[in-house]
Amino acid sequence: KRRFDLEYAPIVKGHLQAIEPKHYSLIRQTIEDRLQFEPDVPTQNRKPLKRPVDFGAQWELRLGPDNRFRVFYTINHGSLKVNVVAIGEKRGDRLLIGGEVIKL
């Protein structure tokens, strides 16, 4: 298996500030576990987005209790990099990224 390097867009730090700190290690560990190898293989909790979103993500990873957290990312196969462009929290039918409601 090829290993992908993980990169985080600078804005992601602000997205995390809207999430309770007790979840940070779970989010980081899940990203490392699920996106370093085969980030482009659809699973029950990882899938390509059907339509483009404002922040340019191509894929979504769902994780955490009740799959409430969402990690949005792009894949560069040439350089073997996964770029995490947004991290949000799903509350009911709303997705919050950086404290703002985002429409998907």
Protein backbone atom coordinates (compact mmCIF):
# COMPACT_ATOMS: atom_id res chain seq x y z
CA LYS A 1 0.00 0.00 0.00
CA ARG A 2 1.17 3.51 -0.76
CA ARG A 3 1.35 5.89 2.15
CA PHE A 4 -0.08 9.39 1.75
CA ASP A 5 1.25 12.40 3.64
CA LEU A 6 -1.36 14.42 5.52
CA GLU A 7 -1.50 18.19 5.15
CA TYR A 8 -3.91 20.52 6.89
CA ALA A 9 -5.12 23.79 5.40
CA PRO A 10 -4.31 26.67 7.80
CA ILE A 11 -8.03 27.42 8.27
CA VAL A 12 -8.60 23.98 9.82
CA LYS A 13 -7.12 25.22 13.11
CA GLY A 14 -10.01 27.68 13.33
CA HIS A 15 -12.49 24.94 12.52
CA LEU A 16 -11.20 22.88 15.45
CA GLN A 17 -11.66 25.78 17.86
CA ALA A 18 -15.43 25.40 17.38
CA ILE A 19 -15.21 21.74 18.53
CA GLU A 20 -14.77 20.68 22.14
CA PRO A 21 -11.04 19.99 22.82
CA LYS A 22 -11.84 16.57 24.33
CA HIS A 23 -12.51 15.33 20.76
CA TYR A 24 -9.21 16.51 19.22
CA SER A 25 -7.24 13.30 19.81
CA LEU A 26 -10.06 11.14 18.40
CA ILE A 27 -10.26 13.33 15.28
CA ARG A 28 -6.49 13.37 14.77
CA GLN A 29 -6.10 9.62 15.34
CA THR A 30 -8.99 8.74 13.01
CA ILE A 31 -7.60 10.99 10.25
CA GLU A 32 -4.19 9.31 10.60
CA ASP A 33 -5.70 5.80 10.66
CA ARG A 34 -8.11 6.21 7.76
CA LEU A 35 -6.50 8.68 5.37
CA GLN A 36 -2.82 7.70 5.18
CA PHE A 37 -3.56 4.53 3.21
CA GLU A 38 -6.18 4.23 0.46
CA PRO A 39 -7.87 7.61 1.12
CA ASP A 40 -9.70 7.20 -2.20
CA VAL A 41 -11.38 3.88 -1.43
CA PRO A 42 -15.05 4.40 -0.52
CA THR A 43 -16.19 2.80 2.74
CA GLN A 44 -19.28 3.15 4.90
CA ASN A 45 -17.82 6.32 6.48
CA ARG A 46 -15.63 7.60 3.64
CA LYS A 47 -17.06 8.66 0.32
CA PRO A 48 -16.57 11.02 -2.60
CA LEU A 49 -18.78 14.10 -2.53
CA LYS A 50 -21.49 14.10 -5.19
CA ARG A 51 -21.26 17.83 -5.87
CA PRO A 52 -18.58 20.45 -5.29
CA VAL A 53 -18.55 22.39 -2.03
CA ASP A 54 -17.30 25.92 -1.35
CA PHE A 55 -14.02 24.83 0.22
CA GLY A 56 -13.02 22.57 -2.68
CA ALA A 57 -13.20 19.17 -0.98
CA GLN A 58 -13.62 16.05 -3.07
CA TRP A 59 -14.09 13.53 -0.24
CA GLU A 60 -15.79 13.29 3.15
CA LEU A 61 -14.84 11.17 6.17
CA ARG A 62 -17.40 10.67 8.93
CA LEU A 63 -16.20 9.81 12.43
CA GLY A 64 -16.77 10.03 16.15
CA PRO A 65 -19.81 9.32 18.31
CA ASP A 66 -22.86 8.96 16.04
CA ASN A 67 -20.59 9.97 13.12
CA ARG A 68 -21.04 13.58 14.21
CA PHE A 69 -17.70 14.85 12.91
CA ARG A 70 -16.92 15.43 9.25
CA VAL A 71 -13.48 15.74 7.68
CA PHE A 72 -13.41 17.12 4.14
CA TYR A 73 -10.33 16.55 2.01
CA THR A 74 -8.73 16.41 -1.42
CA ILE A 75 -6.27 13.85 -2.75
CA ASN A 76 -3.18 14.54 -4.87
CA HIS A 77 -2.11 11.18 -6.31
CA GLY A 78 0.98 12.63 -8.00
CA SER A 79 2.56 13.81 -4.76
CA LEU A 80 0.79 11.24 -2.52
CA LYS A 81 -0.77 13.93 -0.34
CA VAL A 82 -4.12 14.21 1.39
CA ASN A 83 -5.06 17.82 2.08
CA VAL A 84 -7.60 18.27 4.87
CA VAL A 85 -9.50 21.44 3.93
CA ALA A 86 -12.28 21.49 6.55
CA ILE A 87 -13.41 19.79 9.76
CA GLY A 88 -16.96 20.19 11.00
CA GLU A 89 -19.57 18.88 13.37
CA LYS A 90 -23.00 17.64 12.37
CA ARG A 91 -25.77 18.65 14.77
CA GLY A 92 -29.14 17.32 13.70
CA ASP A 93 -29.58 18.31 10.08
CA ARG A 94 -27.01 21.14 10.28
CA LEU A 95 -23.30 20.99 9.53
CA LEU A 96 -21.19 23.48 11.45
CA ILE A 97 -17.70 24.35 10.28
CA GLY A 98 -15.88 26.88 12.40
CA GLY A 99 -19.16 27.60 14.17
CA GLU A 100 -20.95 28.54 10.93
CA VAL A 101 -23.77 26.55 9.36
CA ILE A 102 -22.67 25.20 5.96
CA LYS A 103 -24.98 24.04 3.21
CA LEU A 104 -23.92 20.92 1.35
